[in-house]
Amino acid sequence: DTPNGWFPQVVLVVEGQARGIDQPGTVEVIDSPGEGDDQIVQVASRLVSDKRGPVAVVTADRGLTGRLKQAGADVWRPGRLLRLLS
C-alpha cells in the first residue's frame, strides 16, 4: 500500500494518563488537553491543509471515522497498519 522509500510523518495524539509520555524518535507526540477525538480531528485537518501528502489516520472508532473523512483524511483500520508492519 505504500511506495518504496516513502517515510511518513507519524503523529500520535495521547489523552488521559498517557499525556506527557516521552517522544519516541521520529514520532511527534501531541498531548490532548481534553477529548482525544477532537484533537485527532484538529491535527488531521491541519495536516490535510498543509498539503504535504496524504493523511491517513488509524482508528477503529466509527464515529471518529466520519469526522476524519469530512476533514479530508483517509482512515485505516488497525488491521491494515498491522499488515503493513509485518
PDB file of N, CA and C in Angstrom:
ATOM      1  N   ASP A   1       0.798  -1.202   0.000  1.00  0.00           N
ATOM      2  CA  ASP A   1       0.000   0.000   0.000  1.00  0.00           C
ATOM      3  C   ASP A   1       0.844   1.272   0.000  1.00  0.00           C
ATOM      4  N   THR A   2       2.089   1.170   0.408  1.00  0.00           N
ATOM      5  CA  THR A   2       2.936   2.358   0.450  1.00  0.00           C
ATOM      6  C   THR A   2       4.091   2.186  -0.520  1.00  0.00           C
ATOM      7  N   PRO A   3       4.462   3.262  -1.204  1.00  0.00           N
ATOM      8  CA  PRO A   3       5.582   3.175  -2.147  1.00  0.00           C
ATOM      9  C   PRO A   3       6.905   2.941  -1.430  1.00  0.00           C
ATOM     10  N   ASN A   4       7.832   2.271  -2.117  1.00  0.00           N
ATOM     11  CA  ASN A   4       9.164   2.073  -1.547  1.00  0.00           C
ATOM     12  C   ASN A   4       9.834   3.420  -1.342  1.00  0.00           C
ATOM     13  N   GLY A   5      10.520   3.565  -0.230  1.00  0.00           N
ATOM     14  CA  GLY A   5      11.234   4.798   0.037  1.00  0.00           C
ATOM     15  C   GLY A   5      10.370   5.903   0.607  1.00  0.00           C
ATOM     16  N   TRP A   6       9.136   5.591   0.926  1.00  0.00           N
ATOM     17  CA  TRP A   6       8.227   6.591   1.488  1.00  0.00           C
ATOM     18  C   TRP A   6       8.346   6.562   2.995  1.00  0.00           C
ATOM     19  N   PHE A   7       8.630   7.709   3.577  1.00  0.00           N
ATOM     20  CA  PHE A   7       8.790   7.797   5.014  1.00  0.00           C
ATOM     21  C   PHE A   7       7.758   8.775   5.556  1.00  0.00           C
ATOM     22  N   PRO A   8       6.653   8.249   6.076  1.00  0.00           N
ATOM     23  CA  PRO A   8       5.564   9.124   6.507  1.00  0.00           C
ATOM     24  C   PRO A   8       5.903   9.875   7.790  1.00  0.00           C
ATOM     25  N   GLN A   9       5.265  11.016   7.946  1.00  0.00           N
ATOM     26  CA  GLN A   9       5.306  11.728   9.214  1.00  0.00           C
ATOM     27  C   GLN A   9       4.332  11.003  10.135  1.00  0.00           C
ATOM     28  N   VAL A  10       4.767  10.652  11.333  1.00  0.00           N
ATOM     29  CA  VAL A  10       3.907   9.935  12.272  1.00  0.00           C
ATOM     30  C   VAL A  10       3.602  10.860  13.439  1.00  0.00           C
ATOM     31  N   VAL A  11       2.292  11.029  13.702  1.00  0.00           N
ATOM     32  CA  VAL A  11       1.839  11.876  14.799  1.00  0.00           C
ATOM     33  C   VAL A  11       0.962  11.021  15.704  1.00  0.00           C
ATOM     34  N   LEU A  12       1.243  11.050  16.984  1.00  0.00           N
ATOM     35  CA  LEU A  12       0.490  10.289  17.974  1.00  0.00           C
ATOM     36  C   LEU A  12      -0.207  11.273  18.901  1.00  0.00           C
ATOM     37  N   VAL A  13      -1.532  11.210  18.969  1.00  0.00           N
ATOM     38  CA  VAL A  13      -2.293  12.058  19.887  1.00  0.00           C
ATOM     39  C   VAL A  13      -2.621  11.217  21.110  1.00  0.00           C
ATOM     40  N   VAL A  14      -2.259  11.712  22.283  1.00  0.00           N
ATOM     41  CA  VAL A  14      -2.494  10.972  23.522  1.00  0.00           C
ATOM     42  C   VAL A  14      -3.378  11.785  24.451  1.00  0.00           C
ATOM     43  N   GLU A  15      -4.144  11.070  25.288  1.00  0.00           N
ATOM     44  CA  GLU A  15      -5.030  11.717  26.242  1.00  0.00           C
ATOM     45  C   GLU A  15      -4.942  10.995  27.577  1.00  0.00           C
ATOM     46  N   GLY A  16      -5.560  11.572  28.578  1.00  0.00           N
ATOM     47  CA  GLY A  16      -5.622  10.931  29.895  1.00  0.00           C
ATOM     48  C   GLY A  16      -4.256  10.668  30.478  1.00  0.00           C
ATOM     49  N   GLN A  17      -4.092   9.485  31.052  1.00  0.00           N
ATOM     50  CA  GLN A  17      -2.839   9.133  31.726  1.00  0.00           C
ATOM     51  C   GLN A  17      -1.654   9.044  30.778  1.00  0.00           C
ATOM     52  N   ALA A  18      -1.902   8.918  29.482  1.00  0.00           N
ATOM     53  CA  ALA A  18      -0.802   8.830  28.511  1.00  0.00           C
ATOM     54  C   ALA A  18      -0.157  10.186  28.241  1.00  0.00           C
ATOM     55  N   ARG A  19      -0.830  11.283  28.620  1.00  0.00           N
ATOM     56  CA  ARG A  19      -0.239  12.610  28.396  1.00  0.00           C
ATOM     57  C   ARG A  19       1.109  12.701  29.086  1.00  0.00           C
ATOM     58  N   GLY A  20       2.019  13.388  28.424  1.00  0.00           N
ATOM     59  CA  GLY A  20       3.339  13.595  28.996  1.00  0.00           C
ATOM     60  C   GLY A  20       4.326  12.473  28.735  1.00  0.00           C
ATOM     61  N   ILE A  21       3.959  11.500  27.881  1.00  0.00           N
ATOM     62  CA  ILE A  21       4.905  10.427  27.580  1.00  0.00           C
ATOM     63  C   ILE A  21       6.073  10.994  26.781  1.00  0.00           C
ATOM     64  N   ASP A  22       7.189  10.295  26.844  1.00  0.00           N
ATOM     65  CA  ASP A  22       8.359  10.717  26.083  1.00  0.00           C
ATOM     66  C   ASP A  22       8.080  10.604  24.591  1.00  0.00           C
ATOM     67  N   GLN A  23       8.682  11.512  23.840  1.00  0.00           N
ATOM     68  CA  GLN A  23       8.540  11.481  22.382  1.00  0.00           C
ATOM     69  C   GLN A  23       9.552  10.494  21.826  1.00  0.00           C
ATOM     70  N   PRO A  24       9.061   9.345  21.292  1.00  0.00           N
ATOM     71  CA  PRO A  24       9.972   8.309  20.812  1.00  0.00           C
ATOM     72  C   PRO A  24      10.499   8.591  19.407  1.00  0.00           C
ATOM     73  N   GLY A  25      11.751   8.926  19.291  1.00  0.00           N
ATOM     74  CA  GLY A  25      12.395   9.079  17.986  1.00  0.00           C
ATOM     75  C   GLY A  25      11.721  10.055  17.056  1.00  0.00           C
ATOM     76  N   THR A  26      11.267   9.556  15.930  1.00  0.00           N
ATOM     77  CA  THR A  26      10.718  10.419  14.889  1.00  0.00           C
ATOM     78  C   THR A  26       9.204  10.561  14.970  1.00  0.00           C
ATOM     79  N   VAL A  27       8.606  10.103  16.050  1.00  0.00           N
ATOM     80  CA  VAL A  27       7.157  10.209  16.233  1.00  0.00           C
ATOM     81  C   VAL A  27       6.856  11.504  16.986  1.00  0.00           C
ATOM     82  N   GLU A  28       6.005  12.343  16.394  1.00  0.00           N
ATOM     83  CA  GLU A  28       5.573  13.559  17.071  1.00  0.00           C
ATOM     84  C   GLU A  28       4.433  13.193  18.019  1.00  0.00           C
ATOM     85  N   VAL A  29       4.557  13.554  19.290  1.00  0.00           N
ATOM     86  CA  VAL A  29       3.535  13.254  20.282  1.00  0.00           C
ATOM     87  C   VAL A  29       2.829  14.544  20.663  1.00  0.00           C
ATOM     88  N   ILE A  30       1.496  14.533  20.566  1.00  0.00           N
ATOM     89  CA  ILE A  30       0.692  15.699  20.914  1.00  0.00           C
ATOM     90  C   ILE A  30      -0.216  15.314  22.075  1.00  0.00           C
ATOM     91  N   ASP A  31      -0.087  16.020  23.181  1.00  0.00           N
ATOM     92  CA  ASP A  31      -0.969  15.801  24.321  1.00  0.00           C
ATOM     93  C   ASP A  31      -2.306  16.473  24.059  1.00  0.00           C
ATOM     94  N   SER A  32      -3.381  15.730  24.240  1.00  0.00           N
ATOM     95  CA  SER A  32      -4.712  16.299  24.085  1.00  0.00           C
ATOM     96  C   SER A  32      -5.151  16.849  25.431  1.00  0.00           C
ATOM     97  N   PRO A  33      -5.477  18.145  25.494  1.00  0.00           N
ATOM     98  CA  PRO A  33      -5.891  18.716  26.772  1.00  0.00           C
ATOM     99  C   PRO A  33      -7.269  18.227  27.216  1.00  0.00           C
ATOM    100  N   GLY A  34      -8.041  17.697  26.293  1.00  0.00           N
ATOM    101  CA  GLY A  34      -9.388  17.230  26.618  1.00  0.00           C
ATOM    102  C   GLY A  34      -9.702  15.972  25.856  1.00  0.00           C
ATOM    103  N   GLU A  35     -10.799  16.000  25.122  1.00  0.00           N
ATOM    104  CA  GLU A  35     -11.261  14.857  24.345  1.00  0.00           C
ATOM    105  C   GLU A  35     -10.273  14.538  23.225  1.00  0.00           C
ATOM    106  N   GLY A  36      -9.742  13.335  23.226  1.00  0.00           N
ATOM    107  CA  GLY A  36      -8.754  12.947  22.229  1.00  0.00           C
ATOM    108  C   GLY A  36      -9.279  12.985  20.813  1.00  0.00           C
ATOM    109  N   ASP A  37     -10.539  12.593  20.618  1.00  0.00           N
ATOM    110  CA  ASP A  37     -11.108  12.587  19.272  1.00  0.00           C
ATOM    111  C   ASP A  37     -11.079  13.982  18.654  1.00  0.00           C
ATOM    112  N   ASP A  38     -11.429  14.988  19.458  1.00  0.00           N
ATOM    113  CA  ASP A  38     -11.418  16.361  18.948  1.00  0.00           C
ATOM    114  C   ASP A  38     -10.019  16.770  18.511  1.00  0.00           C
ATOM    115  N   GLN A  39      -9.025  16.399  19.300  1.00  0.00           N
ATOM    116  CA  GLN A  39      -7.637  16.737  18.981  1.00  0.00           C
ATOM    117  C   GLN A  39      -7.178  16.009  17.723  1.00  0.00           C
ATOM    118  N   ILE A  40      -7.579  14.754  17.570  1.00  0.00           N
ATOM    119  CA  ILE A  40      -7.201  13.982  16.386  1.00  0.00           C
ATOM    120  C   ILE A  40      -7.765  14.635  15.129  1.00  0.00           C
ATOM    121  N   VAL A  41      -9.027  15.039  15.175  1.00  0.00           N
ATOM    122  CA  VAL A  41      -9.643  15.693  14.019  1.00  0.00           C
ATOM    123  C   VAL A  41      -8.938  17.014  13.724  1.00  0.00           C
ATOM    124  N   GLN A  42      -8.598  17.762  14.765  1.00  0.00           N
ATOM    125  CA  GLN A  42      -7.907  19.044  14.575  1.00  0.00           C
ATOM    126  C   GLN A  42      -6.538  18.833  13.921  1.00  0.00           C
ATOM    127  N   VAL A  43      -5.792  17.867  14.395  1.00  0.00           N
ATOM    128  CA  VAL A  43      -4.464  17.584  13.836  1.00  0.00           C
ATOM    129  C   VAL A  43      -4.593  17.095  12.389  1.00  0.00           C
ATOM    130  N   ALA A  44      -5.529  16.194  12.136  1.00  0.00           N
ATOM    131  CA  ALA A  44      -5.725  15.692  10.770  1.00  0.00           C
ATOM    132  C   ALA A  44      -6.106  16.830   9.832  1.00  0.00           C
ATOM    133  N   SER A  45      -6.986  17.712  10.270  1.00  0.00           N
ATOM    134  CA  SER A  45      -7.393  18.854   9.441  1.00  0.00           C
ATOM    135  C   SER A  45      -6.201  19.736   9.104  1.00  0.00           C
ATOM    136  N   ARG A  46      -5.345  19.964  10.104  1.00  0.00           N
ATOM    137  CA  ARG A  46      -4.142  20.785   9.875  1.00  0.00           C
ATOM    138  C   ARG A  46      -3.219  20.126   8.862  1.00  0.00           C
ATOM    139  N   LEU A  47      -3.018  18.827   9.001  1.00  0.00           N
ATOM    140  CA  LEU A  47      -2.133  18.116   8.076  1.00  0.00           C
ATOM    141  C   LEU A  47      -2.700  18.086   6.664  1.00  0.00           C
ATOM    142  N   VAL A  48      -4.009  17.923   6.529  1.00  0.00           N
ATOM    143  CA  VAL A  48      -4.645  17.960   5.212  1.00  0.00           C
ATOM    144  C   VAL A  48      -4.454  19.334   4.592  1.00  0.00           C
ATOM    145  N   SER A  49      -4.622  20.385   5.389  1.00  0.00           N
ATOM    146  CA  SER A  49      -4.458  21.760   4.895  1.00  0.00           C
ATOM    147  C   SER A  49      -3.028  22.044   4.456  1.00  0.00           C
ATOM    148  N   ASP A  50      -2.050  21.407   5.120  1.00  0.00           N
ATOM    149  CA  ASP A  50      -0.640  21.612   4.775  1.00  0.00           C
ATOM    150  C   ASP A  50      -0.311  21.072   3.386  1.00  0.00           C
ATOM    151  N   LYS A  51      -1.091  20.121   2.894  1.00  0.00           N
ATOM    152  CA  LYS A  51      -0.950  19.542   1.553  1.00  0.00           C
ATOM    153  C   LYS A  51       0.458  19.027   1.259  1.00  0.00           C
ATOM    154  N   ARG A  52       1.066  18.371   2.262  1.00  0.00           N
ATOM    155  CA  ARG A  52       2.395  17.802   2.039  1.00  0.00           C
ATOM    156  C   ARG A  52       2.332  16.345   1.629  1.00  0.00           C
ATOM    157  N   GLY A  53       1.137  15.816   1.517  1.00  0.00           N
ATOM    158  CA  GLY A  53       0.976  14.420   1.135  1.00  0.00           C
ATOM    159  C   GLY A  53      -0.303  13.880   1.723  1.00  0.00           C
ATOM    160  N   PRO A  54      -0.568  12.608   1.479  1.00  0.00           N
ATOM    161  CA  PRO A  54      -1.803  12.021   2.001  1.00  0.00           C
ATOM    162  C   PRO A  54      -1.782  11.952   3.525  1.00  0.00           C
ATOM    163  N   VAL A  55      -2.953  12.052   4.107  1.00  0.00           N
ATOM    164  CA  VAL A  55      -3.097  11.960   5.562  1.00  0.00           C
ATOM    165  C   VAL A  55      -3.943  10.728   5.858  1.00  0.00           C
ATOM    166  N   ALA A  56      -3.362   9.779   6.573  1.00  0.00           N
ATOM    167  CA  ALA A  56      -4.079   8.560   6.962  1.00  0.00           C
ATOM    168  C   ALA A  56      -4.093   8.488   8.483  1.00  0.00           C
ATOM    169  N   VAL A  57      -5.269   8.250   9.029  1.00  0.00           N
ATOM    170  CA  VAL A  57      -5.425   8.125  10.475  1.00  0.00           C
ATOM    171  C   VAL A  57      -5.862   6.702  10.772  1.00  0.00           C
ATOM    172  N   VAL A  58      -5.221   6.079  11.748  1.00  0.00           N
ATOM    173  CA  VAL A  58      -5.560   4.710  12.126  1.00  0.00           C
ATOM    174  C   VAL A  58      -6.506   4.753  13.317  1.00  0.00           C
ATOM    175  N   THR A  59      -7.709   4.219  13.121  1.00  0.00           N
ATOM    176  CA  THR A  59      -8.690   4.140  14.199  1.00  0.00           C
ATOM    177  C   THR A  59      -9.729   3.077  13.877  1.00  0.00           C
ATOM    178  N   ALA A  60     -10.302   2.503  14.921  1.00  0.00           N
ATOM    179  CA  ALA A  60     -11.419   1.579  14.775  1.00  0.00           C
ATOM    180  C   ALA A  60     -12.723   2.258  15.197  1.00  0.00           C
ATOM    181  N   ASP A  61     -12.655   3.498  15.604  1.00  0.00           N
ATOM    182  CA  ASP A  61     -13.816   4.247  16.094  1.00  0.00           C
ATOM    183  C   ASP A  61     -14.648   4.744  14.912  1.00  0.00           C
ATOM    184  N   ARG A  62     -15.849   4.224  14.765  1.00  0.00           N
ATOM    185  CA  ARG A  62     -16.688   4.565  13.611  1.00  0.00           C
ATOM    186  C   ARG A  62     -17.146   6.017  13.637  1.00  0.00           C
ATOM    187  N   GLY A  63     -17.456   6.554  14.799  1.00  0.00           N
ATOM    188  CA  GLY A  63     -17.857   7.957  14.892  1.00  0.00           C
ATOM    189  C   GLY A  63     -16.727   8.885  14.490  1.00  0.00           C
ATOM    190  N   LEU A  64     -15.532   8.570  14.926  1.00  0.00           N
ATOM    191  CA  LEU A  64     -14.361   9.362  14.580  1.00  0.00           C
ATOM    192  C   LEU A  64     -14.067   9.241  13.087  1.00  0.00           C
ATOM    193  N   THR A  65     -14.297   8.078  12.524  1.00  0.00           N
ATOM    194  CA  THR A  65     -14.054   7.858  11.096  1.00  0.00           C
ATOM    195  C   THR A  65     -14.815   8.865  10.244  1.00  0.00           C
ATOM    196  N   GLY A  66     -16.088   9.070  10.525  1.00  0.00           N
ATOM    197  CA  GLY A  66     -16.885  10.027   9.762  1.00  0.00           C
ATOM    198  C   GLY A  66     -16.341  11.435   9.855  1.00  0.00           C
ATOM    199  N   ARG A  67     -15.949  11.841  11.047  1.00  0.00           N
ATOM    200  CA  ARG A  67     -15.396  13.184  11.240  1.00  0.00           C
ATOM    201  C   ARG A  67     -14.081  13.355  10.481  1.00  0.00           C
ATOM    202  N   LEU A  68     -13.251  12.323  10.489  1.00  0.00           N
ATOM    203  CA  LEU A  68     -11.963  12.399   9.804  1.00  0.00           C
ATOM    204  C   LEU A  68     -12.133  12.467   8.292  1.00  0.00           C
ATOM    205  N   LYS A  69     -13.069  11.702   7.772  1.00  0.00           N
ATOM    206  CA  LYS A  69     -13.326  11.733   6.329  1.00  0.00           C
ATOM    207  C   LYS A  69     -13.838  13.105   5.911  1.00  0.00           C
ATOM    208  N   GLN A  70     -14.687  13.722   6.748  1.00  0.00           N
ATOM    209  CA  GLN A  70     -15.157  15.083   6.458  1.00  0.00           C
ATOM    210  C   GLN A  70     -14.001  16.072   6.440  1.00  0.00           C
ATOM    211  N   ALA A  71     -12.973  15.811   7.242  1.00  0.00           N
ATOM    212  CA  ALA A  71     -11.796  16.680   7.295  1.00  0.00           C
ATOM    213  C   ALA A  71     -10.855  16.436   6.119  1.00  0.00           C
ATOM    214  N   GLY A  72     -11.105  15.388   5.328  1.00  0.00           N
ATOM    215  CA  GLY A  72     -10.270  15.107   4.164  1.00  0.00           C
ATOM    216  C   GLY A  72      -9.202  14.059   4.380  1.00  0.00           C
ATOM    217  N   ALA A  73      -9.217  13.386   5.526  1.00  0.00           N
ATOM    218  CA  ALA A  73      -8.209  12.363   5.821  1.00  0.00           C
ATOM    219  C   ALA A  73      -8.702  10.992   5.381  1.00  0.00           C
ATOM    220  N   ASP A  74      -7.763  10.123   5.029  1.00  0.00           N
ATOM    221  CA  ASP A  74      -8.068   8.712   4.809  1.00  0.00           C
ATOM    222  C   ASP A  74      -8.089   8.040   6.171  1.00  0.00           C
ATOM    223  N   VAL A  75      -8.914   7.027   6.318  1.00  0.00           N
ATOM    224  CA  VAL A  75      -8.983   6.302   7.588  1.00  0.00           C
ATOM    225  C   VAL A  75      -8.610   4.848   7.350  1.00  0.00           C
ATOM    226  N   TRP A  76      -7.670   4.379   8.137  1.00  0.00           N
ATOM    227  CA  TRP A  76      -7.225   2.989   8.070  1.00  0.00           C
ATOM    228  C   TRP A  76      -7.686   2.283   9.334  1.00  0.00           C
ATOM    229  N   ARG A  77      -8.108   1.057   9.192  1.00  0.00           N
ATOM    230  CA  ARG A  77      -8.411   0.215  10.344  1.00  0.00           C
ATOM    231  C   ARG A  77      -7.079  -0.320  10.903  1.00  0.00           C
ATOM    232  N   PRO A  78      -7.022  -0.628  12.188  1.00  0.00           N
ATOM    233  CA  PRO A  78      -5.775  -1.116  12.780  1.00  0.00           C
ATOM    234  C   PRO A  78      -5.182  -2.322  12.065  1.00  0.00           C
ATOM    235  N   GLY A  79      -6.006  -3.221  11.567  1.00  0.00           N
ATOM    236  CA  GLY A  79      -5.503  -4.399  10.864  1.00  0.00           C
ATOM    237  C   GLY A  79      -4.678  -4.054   9.644  1.00  0.00           C
ATOM    238  N   ARG A  80      -5.079  -2.995   8.948  1.00  0.00           N
ATOM    239  CA  ARG A  80      -4.319  -2.573   7.762  1.00  0.00           C
ATOM    240  C   ARG A  80      -2.914  -2.132   8.156  1.00  0.00           C
ATOM    241  N   LEU A  81      -2.812  -1.367   9.221  1.00  0.00           N
ATOM    242  CA  LEU A  81      -1.493  -0.933   9.688  1.00  0.00           C
ATOM    243  C   LEU A  81      -0.656  -2.134  10.124  1.00  0.00           C
ATOM    244  N   LEU A  82      -1.270  -3.052  10.843  1.00  0.00           N
ATOM    245  CA  LEU A  82      -0.528  -4.239  11.285  1.00  0.00           C
ATOM    246  C   LEU A  82      -0.005  -5.051  10.105  1.00  0.00           C
ATOM    247  N   ARG A  83      -0.806  -5.170   9.046  1.00  0.00           N
ATOM    248  CA  ARG A  83      -0.330  -5.904   7.852  1.00  0.00           C
ATOM    249  C   ARG A  83       0.861  -5.192   7.210  1.00  0.00           C
ATOM    250  N   LEU A  84       0.830  -3.869   7.185  1.00  0.00           N
ATOM    251  CA  LEU A  84       1.950  -3.125   6.614  1.00  0.00           C
ATOM    252  C   LEU A  84       3.230  -3.290   7.437  1.00  0.00           C
ATOM    253  N   LEU A  85       3.070  -3.422   8.732  1.00  0.00           N
ATOM    254  CA  LEU A  85       4.224  -3.518   9.616  1.00  0.00           C
ATOM    255  C   LEU A  85       4.798  -4.930   9.715  1.00  0.00           C
ATOM    256  N   SER A  86       4.038  -5.919   9.258  1.00  0.00           N
ATOM    257  CA  SER A  86       4.530  -7.292   9.401  1.00  0.00           C
ATOM    258  C   SER A  86       5.229  -7.779   8.149  1.00  0.00           C
TER     259      SER A  86
END
